[in-house]
Protein backbone atom coordinates (compact mmCIF):
# COMPACT_ATOMS: atom_id res chain seq x y z
CA UNK A 1 9.74 -18.95 -10.72
CA UNK A 2 13.14 -17.33 -10.99
CA UNK A 3 13.65 -15.60 -7.68
CA UNK A 4 14.40 -11.90 -7.84
CA UNK A 5 16.59 -10.89 -4.96
CA UNK A 6 16.41 -7.21 -4.17
CA UNK A 7 18.35 -5.56 -1.38
CA UNK A 8 17.00 -2.17 -0.38
CA UNK A 9 19.21 -0.31 2.03
CA UNK A 10 17.54 2.60 3.76
CA UNK A 11 20.59 3.10 5.92
CA UNK A 12 20.76 6.60 7.20
CA UNK A 13 23.90 8.68 7.14
CA UNK A 14 25.63 7.99 10.45
CA UNK A 15 28.03 10.37 12.12
CA UNK A 16 29.46 10.03 15.62
CA UNK A 17 30.12 13.16 17.65
CA UNK A 18 31.75 13.34 21.07
CA UNK A 19 29.91 15.84 23.26
CA UNK A 20 30.23 16.88 26.87
CA UNK A 21 27.43 15.96 29.23
CA UNK A 22 26.56 19.66 29.46
CA UNK A 23 25.72 19.55 25.75
CA UNK A 24 23.50 16.52 26.20
CA UNK A 25 20.42 18.36 27.29
CA UNK A 26 21.27 19.45 30.85
CA UNK A 27 22.10 23.06 29.98
CA UNK A 28 24.64 23.29 32.80
CA UNK A 29 27.76 25.43 32.81
CA UNK A 30 30.12 23.10 34.68
CA UNK A 31 32.74 21.18 32.70
CA UNK A 32 31.52 17.70 31.80
CA UNK A 33 32.60 14.81 33.95
CA UNK A 34 32.63 12.60 30.87
CA UNK A 35 31.50 12.73 27.25
CA UNK A 36 28.43 11.42 25.48
CA UNK A 37 28.41 10.26 21.88
CA UNK A 38 25.74 11.43 19.46
CA UNK A 39 25.02 9.45 16.31
CA UNK A 40 23.35 11.19 13.39
CA UNK A 41 20.51 9.43 11.59
CA UNK A 42 19.94 11.00 8.18
CA UNK A 43 16.55 11.88 6.77
CA UNK A 44 14.76 9.22 4.68
CA UNK A 45 11.72 9.99 2.53
CA UNK A 46 8.56 8.00 3.13
CA UNK A 47 7.32 5.79 0.28
CA UNK A 48 3.85 4.47 -0.45
CA UNK A 49 4.32 1.48 1.88
CA UNK A 50 7.36 2.37 4.01
CA UNK A 51 7.76 4.96 6.75
CA UNK A 52 10.43 7.61 6.46
CA UNK A 53 12.11 9.78 9.07
CA UNK A 54 13.39 13.28 9.61
CA UNK A 55 17.01 13.81 10.61
CA UNK A 56 17.70 13.14 14.29
CA UNK A 57 20.49 12.17 16.67
CA UNK A 58 20.74 9.35 19.18
CA UNK A 59 22.88 9.54 22.29
CA UNK A 60 24.59 6.62 23.98
CA UNK A 61 22.87 7.72 27.19
CA UNK A 62 19.53 6.69 25.64
CA UNK A 63 18.22 10.15 24.75
CA UNK A 64 17.23 11.53 21.34
CA UNK A 65 17.84 14.98 19.89
CA UNK A 66 16.89 17.00 16.83
CA UNK A 67 20.21 18.85 16.73
CA UNK A 68 23.88 17.92 16.50
CA UNK A 69 24.73 19.71 19.76
CA UNK A 70 22.40 17.60 21.87
CA UNK A 71 20.39 20.54 23.17
CA UNK A 72 16.90 19.89 21.78
CA UNK A 73 15.72 16.61 23.25
CA UNK A 74 12.86 14.84 21.43
CA UNK A 75 10.71 11.82 22.16
CA UNK A 76 11.39 8.41 20.66
CA UNK A 77 9.74 7.94 17.23
CA UNK A 78 8.86 11.64 16.94
CA UNK A 79 11.01 11.59 13.79
CA UNK A 80 8.81 9.05 12.00
CA UNK A 81 7.19 10.20 8.75
CA UNK A 82 4.16 8.01 8.03
CA UNK A 83 4.10 5.92 4.85
CA UNK A 84 2.23 7.85 2.15
CA UNK A 85 -0.33 5.07 1.73
CA UNK A 86 -1.45 5.42 5.34
CA UNK A 87 -2.27 9.12 4.96
CA UNK A 88 -4.67 11.20 2.90
CA UNK A 89 -1.75 11.82 0.54
CA UNK A 90 -2.36 8.30 -0.79
CA UNK A 91 -4.55 10.14 -3.30
CA UNK A 92 -1.43 11.51 -4.95
CA UNK A 93 -0.26 7.99 -5.84
CA UNK A 94 -3.40 7.20 -7.85
CA UNK A 95 -2.25 8.90 -11.03
CA UNK A 96 -4.11 6.84 -13.65
CA UNK A 97 -7.82 7.11 -14.60
CA UNK A 98 -8.37 9.53 -11.73
CA UNK A 99 -10.17 12.47 -13.38
CA UNK A 100 -13.36 11.91 -11.35
CA UNK A 101 -11.63 10.93 -8.09
CA UNK A 102 -10.80 13.27 -5.21
CA UNK A 103 -8.66 13.51 -2.12
CA UNK A 104 -10.66 12.50 0.92
CA UNK A 105 -10.20 12.92 4.65
CA UNK A 106 -8.44 9.54 4.84
CA UNK A 107 -7.35 8.62 1.30
CA UNK A 108 -8.81 8.61 -2.21
CA UNK A 109 -12.52 8.99 -2.93
CA UNK A 110 -12.95 6.93 -6.07
CA UNK A 111 -14.86 8.00 -9.15
CA UNK A 112 -15.37 6.57 -12.63
CA UNK A 113 -13.19 8.22 -15.27
CA UNK A 114 -15.78 8.37 -18.05
CA UNK A 115 -13.12 8.94 -20.68
CA UNK A 116 -11.25 5.75 -19.77
CA UNK A 117 -14.35 3.91 -18.49
CA UNK A 118 -12.35 2.85 -15.44
CA UNK A 119 -11.64 3.79 -11.85
CA UNK A 120 -8.38 5.18 -10.43
CA UNK A 121 -5.16 3.16 -10.32
CA UNK A 122 -1.72 3.49 -8.79
CA UNK A 123 1.52 2.20 -10.25
CA UNK A 124 3.68 1.01 -7.37
CA UNK A 125 6.74 2.47 -9.09
CA UNK A 126 6.08 5.65 -11.05
CA UNK A 127 9.37 5.35 -12.93
CA UNK A 128 9.34 1.66 -13.85
CA UNK A 129 5.79 0.64 -12.82
CA UNK A 130 7.11 -2.16 -10.63
CA UNK A 131 7.33 -3.15 -6.97
CA UNK A 132 9.97 -5.89 -6.71
CA UNK A 133 8.69 -9.22 -5.40
CA UNK A 134 10.50 -12.53 -4.93
CA UNK A 135 7.30 -14.59 -4.76
CA UNK A 136 7.28 -15.06 -0.99
CA UNK A 137 3.95 -14.67 0.80
CA UNK A 138 3.04 -11.00 0.72
CA UNK A 139 -0.10 -9.17 1.77
CA UNK A 140 -1.26 -5.86 0.35
CA UNK A 141 -4.14 -4.49 2.37
CA UNK A 142 -6.27 -1.38 2.67
CA UNK A 143 -9.60 -0.15 4.01
CA UNK A 144 -12.77 0.74 2.15
CA UNK A 145 -15.57 3.05 3.25
CA UNK A 146 -18.58 1.77 1.30
CA UNK A 147 -21.18 4.04 2.89
CA UNK A 148 -21.76 5.92 -0.39
CA UNK A 149 -23.12 2.78 -2.07
CA UNK A 150 -26.85 2.18 -2.46
CA UNK A 151 -28.66 -0.93 -3.63
CA UNK A 152 -27.17 -2.34 -6.87
CA UNK A 153 -24.12 -0.07 -6.69
CA UNK A 154 -20.79 -1.90 -6.98
CA UNK A 155 -17.02 -1.44 -6.91
CA UNK A 156 -14.30 -3.74 -8.27
CA UNK A 157 -10.63 -3.84 -7.15
CA UNK A 158 -7.69 -5.43 -8.91
CA UNK A 159 -4.04 -6.25 -8.12
CA UNK A 160 -1.82 -6.95 -11.14
CA UNK A 161 1.61 -8.52 -11.61
CA UNK A 162 4.68 -7.80 -13.72
CA UNK A 163 6.99 -9.81 -15.91
CA UNK A 164 10.17 -8.39 -17.41
CA UNK A 165 11.02 -8.19 -21.10
CA UNK A 166 14.52 -6.84 -21.60
CA UNK A 167 14.74 -3.76 -19.40
CA UNK A 168 10.98 -3.13 -19.39
CA UNK A 169 8.37 -4.26 -16.87
CA UNK A 170 5.09 -5.37 -18.41
CA UNK A 171 1.76 -6.65 -17.13
CA UNK A 172 1.78 -10.44 -17.20
CA UNK A 173 -1.77 -10.30 -18.66
CA UNK A 174 -2.33 -13.86 -17.40
CA UNK A 175 -3.74 -13.46 -13.91
CA UNK A 176 -4.85 -10.56 -11.78
CA UNK A 177 -6.31 -10.80 -8.30
CA UNK A 178 -9.72 -9.18 -8.35
CA UNK A 179 -12.88 -8.88 -6.28
CA UNK A 180 -16.21 -7.11 -6.62
CA UNK A 181 -18.51 -5.74 -3.91
CA UNK A 182 -22.17 -4.87 -4.50
CA UNK A 183 -24.73 -3.29 -2.18
CA UNK A 184 -27.95 -5.22 -1.71
CA UNK A 185 -31.16 -4.61 0.20
CA UNK A 186 -29.73 -6.65 3.09
CA UNK A 187 -26.11 -5.53 3.19
CA UNK A 188 -23.22 -6.33 0.86
CA UNK A 189 -22.18 -9.25 -1.31
CA UNK A 190 -18.58 -9.92 -2.38
CA UNK A 191 -17.34 -12.04 -5.27
CA UNK A 192 -13.91 -13.37 -6.29
CA UNK A 193 -13.48 -12.22 -9.90
CA UNK A 194 -10.18 -14.03 -10.54
CA UNK A 195 -12.28 -15.73 -13.21
CA UNK A 196 -14.07 -14.40 -15.29
CA UNK A 197 -12.73 -10.90 -14.59
CA UNK A 198 -14.12 -7.51 -15.52
CA UNK A 199 -16.26 -6.84 -18.60
CA UNK A 200 -16.48 -3.07 -18.04
CA UNK A 201 -20.21 -3.41 -18.53
CA UNK A 202 -22.24 -2.29 -15.53
CA UNK A 203 -25.08 -4.77 -16.00
CA UNK A 204 -22.84 -7.77 -16.67
CA UNK A 205 -20.42 -7.05 -13.83
CA UNK A 206 -23.20 -6.40 -11.32
CA UNK A 207 -24.92 -9.65 -12.30
CA UNK A 208 -21.67 -11.59 -11.83
CA UNK A 209 -21.09 -10.14 -8.36
CA UNK A 210 -24.68 -10.80 -7.27
CA UNK A 211 -24.26 -14.51 -8.05
CA UNK A 212 -22.08 -14.83 -4.97
CA UNK A 213 -23.39 -16.19 -1.68
CA UNK A 214 -20.64 -14.46 0.33
CA UNK A 215 -22.05 -11.56 2.34
CA UNK A 216 -21.15 -9.06 5.04
CA UNK A 217 -22.91 -6.17 6.78
CA UNK A 218 -20.29 -3.53 7.60
CA UNK A 219 -19.97 -0.43 5.45
CA UNK A 220 -16.36 0.16 6.57
CA UNK A 221 -14.15 -2.87 5.96
CA UNK A 222 -10.55 -3.95 5.73
CA UNK A 223 -9.54 -5.89 2.64
CA UNK A 224 -6.37 -7.73 1.64
CA UNK A 225 -4.71 -9.48 -1.25
CA UNK A 226 -2.38 -12.27 -0.08
CA UNK A 227 -0.19 -13.87 -2.74
CA UNK A 228 2.72 -16.30 -3.06
CA UNK A 229 4.36 -17.95 -6.07
CA UNK A 230 6.44 -21.14 -5.91
CA UNK A 231 9.33 -22.28 -8.10
CA UNK A 232 6.88 -23.82 -10.59
CA UNK A 233 5.18 -20.43 -11.10
CA UNK A 234 2.06 -21.56 -9.23
CA UNK A 235 0.27 -18.60 -7.70
CA UNK A 236 -1.57 -19.25 -4.43
CA UNK A 237 -3.78 -16.41 -3.28
CA UNK A 238 -6.34 -15.35 -0.72
CA UNK A 239 -8.60 -12.31 -0.97
CA UNK A 240 -10.20 -11.23 2.29
CA UNK A 241 -12.99 -8.65 2.56
CA UNK A 242 -14.35 -8.02 6.06
CA UNK A 243 -14.41 -11.59 7.43
CA UNK A 244 -14.99 -13.22 4.04
CA UNK A 245 -11.98 -15.15 2.69
CA UNK A 246 -11.75 -16.32 -0.93
CA UNK A 247 -8.86 -18.56 -2.02
CA UNK A 248 -7.54 -19.97 -5.26
CA UNK A 249 -4.60 -20.94 -7.47
CA UNK A 250 -3.30 -20.31 -10.97
CA UNK A 251 -0.14 -21.14 -12.91
CA UNK A 252 1.80 -18.47 -14.79
CA UNK A 253 3.65 -19.30 -18.00
CA UNK A 254 6.06 -16.42 -17.35
CA UNK A 255 8.33 -15.44 -14.47
CA UNK A 256 6.61 -12.92 -12.20
CA UNK A 257 9.03 -10.30 -10.88
CA UNK A 258 6.80 -7.81 -9.10
CA UNK A 259 3.49 -6.12 -8.45
CA UNK A 260 2.37 -3.61 -11.06
CA UNK A 261 -0.73 -1.74 -9.99
CA UNK A 262 -3.60 -1.57 -7.54
CA UNK A 263 -6.68 -0.54 -9.44
CA UNK A 264 -10.30 0.32 -8.71
CA UNK A 265 -10.94 -1.31 -12.07
CA UNK A 266 -14.64 -0.57 -12.45
CA UNK A 267 -17.53 0.96 -10.52
CA UNK A 268 -21.01 2.26 -11.17
CA UNK A 269 -21.19 4.73 -8.27
CA UNK A 270 -18.67 7.36 -7.23
CA UNK A 271 -17.84 7.95 -3.58
CA UNK A 272 -16.15 4.84 -2.14
CA UNK A 273 -13.11 5.95 -0.13
CA UNK A 274 -9.97 3.77 -0.07
CA UNK A 275 -7.28 4.40 2.54
CA UNK A 276 -4.62 2.98 4.88
CA UNK A 277 -2.69 1.03 2.25
CA UNK A 278 -0.16 -1.38 3.77
CA UNK A 279 2.19 -4.20 2.75
CA UNK A 280 3.32 -7.07 4.92
C-alpha cells in the first residue's frame, strides 16, 4: 500500500501577554511585584471524532482564564468542546438515507429509508467523502442500544474504504467491514458479513445472520471495527460486538487511502440507537 502521510495541525493561535499579578485573578489594587505571562489559545471547532475548544488563556503561574486580562479564572479543561460523534449531534453527520431516522437522546435512532431501501450513513468528510488513513492499525467504535429489537429483527453495519482516482475519492468496492445482529428468543446473535455481504433482502439477510453461533445477551453494547493494511495491500481486521470478536483478512488490488462511510446498511426494524462514535 502506498502510505498517505497527512499532517493535521490544530495549533491554536498563540499570543503572549505580559500582565501584572493584580490582573491575574487577585483583584488587588497594589502595584504588581512581578508580571505573569498569559498565552492565548485560539478556538478550534470540534469534528466528528476530535474534540475542539473555546478560546482561553493559560498563565505561567498555572492558572487558566477566559479573558485576555486574566480576570475570569476557569477550571482546567472547561474549554473542551466534545467531539460531535460523542454527543446527540452525531445525528447531524448521518446525512445519507436518513429520511426515517431521528435524533435521539444519545445519538441517531436508525430507521429504514424506504425510498433507498437502506439505513442511514455518514460520510466522514462531507466535502470529499474521505477520512485520511495511512493503513496503520485504527479502531472506529460506537455503542448500540438494541432494546427496540424483537425476535427476528436485525440490523447491519458497514465500514467502507476509499481509493483515489485523480482528484476524486471513490469507494474501493472490493471489501467493506460488515456485521449483522439479529434478536432471537434467547438473546442476540452476531455474524461477520465480510463475505457474503448484504443482499438488501430481509429474509435472506436474516437467514445469513442466524447461521452464526456467536451470541451475546446485552441489549446495550459497544462495537468496534479494527483495521490495518500492510505494504502488500493486505487488510487485517477485527470486528468486536459486546465480547464477541470476529477476525479476518483480505487483499485489495488498489491502494486504500482512507475511510469513506459508516453505514447502517440494512435493517428490518426501526429504533436501534447508535451513539458515542470514537476513533483510536
